[in-house]
Amino acid sequence: MTRQETVIKITKITRIVGEMKSQLDLDDEIEFEALDSSWMNIGAMVNAVSMTVLTPSP
């Protein structure tokens, strides 16, 4: 994964978590239907970023 792809994934993760936190702060519950559909892939995005960051570059 390129640096640009990594930054984009981190930005998406941050946005999704921010939306969830905002909903929790306002309503004390999360309405998943109101979130961007990419929230379902957040686990895969976190794994991809983790592998990229933790893998030493040649």
C-alpha atoms as a PDB file:
ATOM      1  CA  MET A   1       0.000   0.000   0.000  1.00  0.00           C
ATOM      2  CA  THR A   2       1.374   3.428  -0.905  1.00  0.00           C
ATOM      3  CA  ARG A   3       1.729   6.269   1.565  1.00  0.00           C
ATOM      4  CA  GLN A   4      -1.158   8.067  -0.111  1.00  0.00           C
ATOM      5  CA  GLU A   5      -3.440   5.031   0.251  1.00  0.00           C
ATOM      6  CA  THR A   6      -2.409   4.697   3.896  1.00  0.00           C
ATOM      7  CA  VAL A   7      -3.213   8.343   4.611  1.00  0.00           C
ATOM      8  CA  ILE A   8      -6.588   8.027   2.865  1.00  0.00           C
ATOM      9  CA  LYS A   9      -7.469   4.947   4.944  1.00  0.00           C
ATOM     10  CA  ILE A  10      -6.396   6.662   8.181  1.00  0.00           C
ATOM     11  CA  THR A  11      -8.534   9.673   7.241  1.00  0.00           C
ATOM     12  CA  LYS A  12     -11.564   7.448   6.574  1.00  0.00           C
ATOM     13  CA  ILE A  13     -11.082   5.593   9.863  1.00  0.00           C
ATOM     14  CA  THR A  14     -10.793   8.878  11.753  1.00  0.00           C
ATOM     15  CA  ARG A  15     -13.935  10.259  10.085  1.00  0.00           C
ATOM     16  CA  ILE A  16     -15.984   7.135  10.819  1.00  0.00           C
ATOM     17  CA  VAL A  17     -14.869   7.020  14.460  1.00  0.00           C
ATOM     18  CA  GLY A  18     -15.630  10.743  14.755  1.00  0.00           C
ATOM     19  CA  GLU A  19     -19.144  10.222  13.376  1.00  0.00           C
ATOM     20  CA  MET A  20     -19.733   7.383  15.834  1.00  0.00           C
ATOM     21  CA  LYS A  21     -18.433   9.450  18.755  1.00  0.00           C
ATOM     22  CA  SER A  22     -20.614  12.382  17.746  1.00  0.00           C
ATOM     23  CA  GLN A  23     -23.715  10.167  17.637  1.00  0.00           C
ATOM     24  CA  LEU A  24     -22.866   8.681  21.035  1.00  0.00           C
ATOM     25  CA  ASP A  25     -22.370  12.146  22.511  1.00  0.00           C
ATOM     26  CA  LEU A  26     -25.720  13.358  21.156  1.00  0.00           C
ATOM     27  CA  ASP A  27     -28.016  10.338  21.469  1.00  0.00           C
ATOM     28  CA  ASP A  28     -26.062   7.777  23.507  1.00  0.00           C
ATOM     29  CA  GLU A  29     -26.554   5.290  20.653  1.00  0.00           C
ATOM     30  CA  ILE A  30     -25.197   4.772  17.167  1.00  0.00           C
ATOM     31  CA  GLU A  31     -27.478   4.728  14.130  1.00  0.00           C
ATOM     32  CA  PHE A  32     -25.448   2.601  11.742  1.00  0.00           C
ATOM     33  CA  GLU A  33     -27.860   3.320   8.896  1.00  0.00           C
ATOM     34  CA  ALA A  34     -26.886   7.010   9.094  1.00  0.00           C
ATOM     35  CA  LEU A  35     -23.159   6.288   8.836  1.00  0.00           C
ATOM     36  CA  ASP A  36     -21.163   6.106   5.638  1.00  0.00           C
ATOM     37  CA  SER A  37     -21.326   2.550   4.284  1.00  0.00           C
ATOM     38  CA  SER A  38     -17.543   2.227   4.612  1.00  0.00           C
ATOM     39  CA  TRP A  39     -17.931   1.707   8.390  1.00  0.00           C
ATOM     40  CA  MET A  40     -18.521  -1.977   7.635  1.00  0.00           C
ATOM     41  CA  ASN A  41     -14.950  -2.205   6.314  1.00  0.00           C
ATOM     42  CA  ILE A  42     -13.275  -0.420   9.210  1.00  0.00           C
ATOM     43  CA  GLY A  43     -11.687  -3.631  10.529  1.00  0.00           C
ATOM     44  CA  ALA A  44     -10.085  -4.398   7.184  1.00  0.00           C
ATOM     45  CA  MET A  45      -8.883  -0.805   6.860  1.00  0.00           C
ATOM     46  CA  VAL A  46      -7.298  -0.902  10.329  1.00  0.00           C
ATOM     47  CA  ASN A  47      -5.581  -4.216   9.514  1.00  0.00           C
ATOM     48  CA  ALA A  48      -4.215  -2.875   6.227  1.00  0.00           C
ATOM     49  CA  VAL A  49      -2.867   0.273   7.873  1.00  0.00           C
ATOM     50  CA  SER A  50      -1.378  -1.729  10.754  1.00  0.00           C
ATOM     51  CA  MET A  51       0.409  -4.107   8.390  1.00  0.00           C
ATOM     52  CA  THR A  52       1.760  -1.194   6.355  1.00  0.00           C
ATOM     53  CA  VAL A  53       2.980   0.743   9.362  1.00  0.00           C
ATOM     54  CA  LEU A  54       4.441  -2.248  11.193  1.00  0.00           C
ATOM     55  CA  THR A  55       6.175  -3.809   8.177  1.00  0.00           C
ATOM     56  CA  PRO A  56       9.738  -2.509   7.820  1.00  0.00           C
ATOM     57  CA  SER A  57      10.513  -0.949   4.454  1.00  0.00           C
ATOM     58  CA  PRO A  58      13.336  -2.415   2.388  1.00  0.00           C
END
